[in-house]
Amino acid sequence: MPSEEQFDQVVLGLRQDLLQQLQQEPAGHARHLRAYVRCVCARLLYGRQWAADAAFVLTCQRYKDIWRDFVEEVCANDLIDEGVSWRCRSAVEALWLAHALLEPLPPERIVMVRENLLYLCGTEASDEPYCTH
């Protein structure tokens, strides 16, 4: 069973990366989602340890719920279609799980998926923020 300390390390590390990425991320309707995609992919390009640690802590339903709420909150005010937001988040998370649990992905594949997701983030603007609360 994963510990709270392990979960905190995974989430706080990603949160710190997100805050740094948001300082560099240009304005746009999917700014937070783009930052999330970039951060997860950067972690994967750095190595498998974070991906494995994150996959491990998410075996606990409580931590999975907290993680889902965290990512929802990060992306909640983006002006992007809810379906596009969900597809991009799901795709980058599937990429990380494949990298952690199946086999290491070559950097070229991670970059290719990242660029495709970033392209998708730029195609579907919405007039209203995607908020679930």
Protein backbone atom coordinates (compact mmCIF):
# COMPACT_ATOMS: atom_id res chain seq x y z
CA MET A 1 0.00 0.00 0.00
CA PRO A 2 1.46 3.38 -0.96
CA SER A 3 2.15 5.84 1.82
CA GLU A 4 0.99 9.41 2.07
CA GLU A 5 4.62 10.49 1.87
CA GLN A 6 5.03 8.69 -1.46
CA PHE A 7 1.87 10.31 -2.80
CA ASP A 8 2.98 13.74 -1.63
CA GLN A 9 6.33 13.34 -3.40
CA VAL A 10 4.64 12.47 -6.68
CA VAL A 11 2.01 15.22 -6.52
CA LEU A 12 4.19 17.97 -5.06
CA GLY A 13 6.88 17.31 -7.65
CA LEU A 14 4.40 17.56 -10.50
CA ARG A 15 2.73 20.60 -8.93
CA GLN A 16 6.09 22.38 -8.73
CA ASP A 17 6.78 21.52 -12.37
CA LEU A 18 3.33 22.80 -13.36
CA LEU A 19 3.85 26.12 -11.62
CA GLN A 20 7.18 26.58 -13.39
CA GLN A 21 5.72 25.56 -16.75
CA LEU A 22 2.78 27.93 -16.36
CA GLN A 23 5.23 30.82 -16.04
CA GLN A 24 6.56 29.93 -19.49
CA GLU A 25 3.34 28.74 -21.14
CA PRO A 26 1.88 31.30 -23.54
CA ALA A 27 -1.67 32.50 -23.06
CA GLY A 28 -4.33 30.51 -24.81
CA HIS A 29 -7.55 28.63 -24.31
CA ALA A 30 -5.84 25.41 -23.12
CA ARG A 31 -2.90 26.91 -21.23
CA HIS A 32 -3.19 24.71 -18.14
CA LEU A 33 -3.83 21.54 -20.11
CA ARG A 34 -0.80 22.25 -22.30
CA ALA A 35 1.32 22.75 -19.18
CA TYR A 36 0.05 19.44 -17.75
CA VAL A 37 0.86 17.58 -20.98
CA ARG A 38 4.33 19.16 -21.14
CA CYS A 39 5.08 18.34 -17.49
CA VAL A 40 4.03 14.71 -17.66
CA CYS A 41 5.98 14.20 -20.89
CA ALA A 42 9.05 15.95 -19.45
CA ARG A 43 8.95 13.60 -16.49
CA LEU A 44 8.73 10.61 -18.84
CA LEU A 45 11.66 11.88 -20.91
CA TYR A 46 13.70 12.20 -17.72
CA GLY A 47 13.23 8.53 -16.85
CA ARG A 48 10.84 5.86 -15.65
CA GLN A 49 11.05 6.37 -11.89
CA TRP A 50 8.43 9.12 -11.57
CA ALA A 51 6.07 7.23 -13.87
CA ALA A 52 6.48 4.07 -11.82
CA ASP A 53 6.06 5.92 -8.52
CA ALA A 54 2.94 7.69 -9.79
CA ALA A 55 1.45 4.44 -11.10
CA PHE A 56 2.14 2.77 -7.75
CA VAL A 57 0.49 5.44 -5.60
CA LEU A 58 -2.52 5.49 -7.91
CA THR A 59 -3.24 1.85 -7.06
CA CYS A 60 -4.88 3.28 -3.92
CA GLN A 61 -8.42 4.52 -4.65
CA ARG A 62 -8.10 7.42 -2.19
CA TYR A 63 -5.00 8.72 -3.96
CA LYS A 64 -6.55 8.11 -7.37
CA ASP A 65 -9.51 10.30 -6.36
CA ILE A 66 -7.23 13.05 -5.05
CA TRP A 67 -5.14 12.88 -8.24
CA ARG A 68 -8.23 13.12 -10.47
CA ASP A 69 -9.48 16.13 -8.50
CA PHE A 70 -6.03 17.75 -8.67
CA VAL A 71 -5.85 17.43 -12.46
CA GLU A 72 -9.49 18.55 -12.81
CA GLU A 73 -8.71 21.66 -10.78
CA VAL A 74 -5.57 22.41 -12.78
CA CYS A 75 -7.50 22.36 -16.07
CA ALA A 76 -10.86 23.65 -14.80
CA ASN A 77 -10.69 27.19 -16.14
CA ASP A 78 -9.26 26.47 -19.57
CA LEU A 79 -11.46 27.57 -22.44
CA ILE A 80 -11.41 24.24 -24.23
CA ASP A 81 -14.04 21.70 -25.15
CA GLU A 82 -14.55 19.23 -22.28
CA GLY A 83 -14.16 16.25 -24.60
CA VAL A 84 -10.84 17.48 -25.98
CA SER A 85 -9.57 18.17 -22.48
CA TRP A 86 -10.57 14.70 -21.33
CA ARG A 87 -8.99 13.01 -24.38
CA CYS A 88 -5.69 14.86 -23.93
CA ARG A 89 -5.49 14.11 -20.21
CA SER A 90 -6.41 10.47 -20.76
CA ALA A 91 -3.87 10.07 -23.57
CA VAL A 92 -0.95 11.55 -21.63
CA GLU A 93 -1.84 9.47 -18.57
CA ALA A 94 -2.06 6.30 -20.70
CA LEU A 95 1.35 7.18 -22.15
CA TRP A 96 2.82 7.44 -18.66
CA LEU A 97 1.26 4.14 -17.55
CA ALA A 98 2.54 2.36 -20.65
CA HIS A 99 6.00 3.82 -20.01
CA ALA A 100 5.94 2.73 -16.37
CA LEU A 101 4.22 -0.62 -16.54
CA LEU A 102 4.76 -2.09 -20.00
CA GLU A 103 8.08 -1.01 -21.42
CA PRO A 104 10.14 2.16 -21.64
CA LEU A 105 9.04 4.24 -24.58
CA PRO A 106 11.66 5.73 -26.86
CA PRO A 107 12.04 9.49 -26.43
CA GLU A 108 10.94 10.02 -30.05
CA ARG A 109 7.58 8.40 -29.32
CA ILE A 110 7.03 10.48 -26.18
CA VAL A 111 7.86 13.67 -28.12
CA MET A 112 5.58 12.64 -31.01
CA VAL A 113 2.63 12.02 -28.67
CA ARG A 114 3.33 15.25 -26.78
CA GLU A 115 3.34 17.28 -29.99
CA ASN A 116 0.13 15.64 -31.22
CA LEU A 117 -1.61 16.39 -27.92
CA LEU A 118 -0.39 19.98 -27.92
CA TYR A 119 -1.72 20.36 -31.45
CA LEU A 120 -5.07 18.97 -30.35
CA CYS A 121 -5.11 21.43 -27.41
CA GLY A 122 -4.90 24.27 -29.91
CA THR A 123 -7.79 23.22 -32.12
CA GLU A 124 -10.93 23.26 -29.98
CA ALA A 125 -11.70 26.55 -28.25
CA SER A 126 -14.85 27.05 -26.21
CA ASP A 127 -16.63 30.19 -25.05
CA GLU A 128 -16.96 28.95 -21.49
CA PRO A 129 -14.37 27.61 -19.05
CA TYR A 130 -14.41 23.88 -18.61
CA CYS A 131 -15.44 23.76 -14.93
CA THR A 132 -16.90 20.86 -13.05
CA HIS A 133 -17.56 22.73 -9.83
